[in-house]
Amino acid sequence: MYKMPGAGVGVAGGGVGTLAATGADVGWWLAVGVLLVLLGTVALIAVHRRNRRLSQARD
């Protein structure tokens, strides 16, 4: 049977095989990914607003 590279438990590194070997739930990883995207978007909007406000205050 073919074994994906990195699919072993003893192999350090990322990848779907490693996640499956650690018993991680895919739904949990998806939720974390969505949360990180949302937090990044909020951070970018906050920085944009702050820079716009600072540039208006300089004028």
C-alpha atoms as a PDB file:
ATOM      1  CA  MET A   1       0.000   0.000   0.000  1.00  0.00           C
ATOM      2  CA  TYR A   2       1.263   3.477  -0.847  1.00  0.00           C
ATOM      3  CA  LYS A   3       2.152   5.642   2.142  1.00  0.00           C
ATOM      4  CA  MET A   4       2.130   9.426   1.780  1.00  0.00           C
ATOM      5  CA  PRO A   5       5.407  11.172   2.620  1.00  0.00           C
ATOM      6  CA  GLY A   6       5.104  12.652   6.102  1.00  0.00           C
ATOM      7  CA  ALA A   7       2.217  10.375   7.030  1.00  0.00           C
ATOM      8  CA  GLY A   8       4.135   8.683   9.832  1.00  0.00           C
ATOM      9  CA  VAL A   9       3.651   9.722  13.434  1.00  0.00           C
ATOM     10  CA  GLY A  10       7.390  10.033  14.015  1.00  0.00           C
ATOM     11  CA  VAL A  11       7.919  12.429  11.108  1.00  0.00           C
ATOM     12  CA  ALA A  12       8.165  16.068  12.136  1.00  0.00           C
ATOM     13  CA  GLY A  13       6.557  18.546   9.784  1.00  0.00           C
ATOM     14  CA  GLY A  14       3.234  19.688   8.451  1.00  0.00           C
ATOM     15  CA  GLY A  15       0.821  18.149   6.032  1.00  0.00           C
ATOM     16  CA  VAL A  16      -2.518  16.423   5.901  1.00  0.00           C
ATOM     17  CA  GLY A  17      -0.958  13.057   6.675  1.00  0.00           C
ATOM     18  CA  THR A  18       0.675  14.397   9.818  1.00  0.00           C
ATOM     19  CA  LEU A  19      -2.584  15.963  10.973  1.00  0.00           C
ATOM     20  CA  ALA A  20      -4.399  12.686  10.411  1.00  0.00           C
ATOM     21  CA  ALA A  21      -1.689  10.798  12.282  1.00  0.00           C
ATOM     22  CA  THR A  22      -2.056  13.064  15.310  1.00  0.00           C
ATOM     23  CA  GLY A  23      -5.802  12.419  15.405  1.00  0.00           C
ATOM     24  CA  ALA A  24      -6.691  16.054  14.756  1.00  0.00           C
ATOM     25  CA  ASP A  25     -10.261  16.749  13.712  1.00  0.00           C
ATOM     26  CA  VAL A  26     -10.447  18.443  10.296  1.00  0.00           C
ATOM     27  CA  GLY A  27     -13.468  20.512  11.332  1.00  0.00           C
ATOM     28  CA  TRP A  28     -11.485  21.974  14.220  1.00  0.00           C
ATOM     29  CA  TRP A  29      -8.639  22.986  11.901  1.00  0.00           C
ATOM     30  CA  LEU A  30     -11.121  24.574   9.488  1.00  0.00           C
ATOM     31  CA  ALA A  31     -12.673  26.577  12.332  1.00  0.00           C
ATOM     32  CA  VAL A  32      -9.231  27.797  13.416  1.00  0.00           C
ATOM     33  CA  GLY A  33      -8.409  28.768   9.833  1.00  0.00           C
ATOM     34  CA  VAL A  34     -11.624  30.754   9.441  1.00  0.00           C
ATOM     35  CA  LEU A  35     -10.997  32.474  12.779  1.00  0.00           C
ATOM     36  CA  LEU A  36      -7.473  33.458  11.713  1.00  0.00           C
ATOM     37  CA  VAL A  37      -8.750  34.866   8.417  1.00  0.00           C
ATOM     38  CA  LEU A  38     -11.392  36.915  10.251  1.00  0.00           C
ATOM     39  CA  LEU A  39      -8.874  38.231  12.785  1.00  0.00           C
ATOM     40  CA  GLY A  40      -6.487  39.178   9.983  1.00  0.00           C
ATOM     41  CA  THR A  41      -9.237  41.034   8.133  1.00  0.00           C
ATOM     42  CA  VAL A  42     -10.223  42.945  11.279  1.00  0.00           C
ATOM     43  CA  ALA A  43      -6.567  43.846  11.891  1.00  0.00           C
ATOM     44  CA  LEU A  44      -6.121  45.121   8.324  1.00  0.00           C
ATOM     45  CA  ILE A  45      -9.269  47.256   8.554  1.00  0.00           C
ATOM     46  CA  ALA A  46      -8.129  48.693  11.893  1.00  0.00           C
ATOM     47  CA  VAL A  47      -4.685  49.588  10.507  1.00  0.00           C
ATOM     48  CA  HIS A  48      -6.231  51.160   7.424  1.00  0.00           C
ATOM     49  CA  ARG A  49      -8.577  53.311   9.518  1.00  0.00           C
ATOM     50  CA  ARG A  50      -5.764  54.315  11.879  1.00  0.00           C
ATOM     51  CA  ASN A  51      -3.481  55.344   9.007  1.00  0.00           C
ATOM     52  CA  ARG A  52      -6.273  57.312   7.355  1.00  0.00           C
ATOM     53  CA  ARG A  53      -7.074  59.106  10.616  1.00  0.00           C
ATOM     54  CA  LEU A  54      -3.393  59.917  11.244  1.00  0.00           C
ATOM     55  CA  SER A  55      -2.921  61.289   7.727  1.00  0.00           C
ATOM     56  CA  GLN A  56      -5.991  63.529   8.120  1.00  0.00           C
ATOM     57  CA  ALA A  57      -4.722  64.814  11.478  1.00  0.00           C
ATOM     58  CA  ARG A  58      -1.412  65.859   9.861  1.00  0.00           C
ATOM     59  CA  ASP A  59      -3.128  68.126   7.328  1.00  0.00           C
END
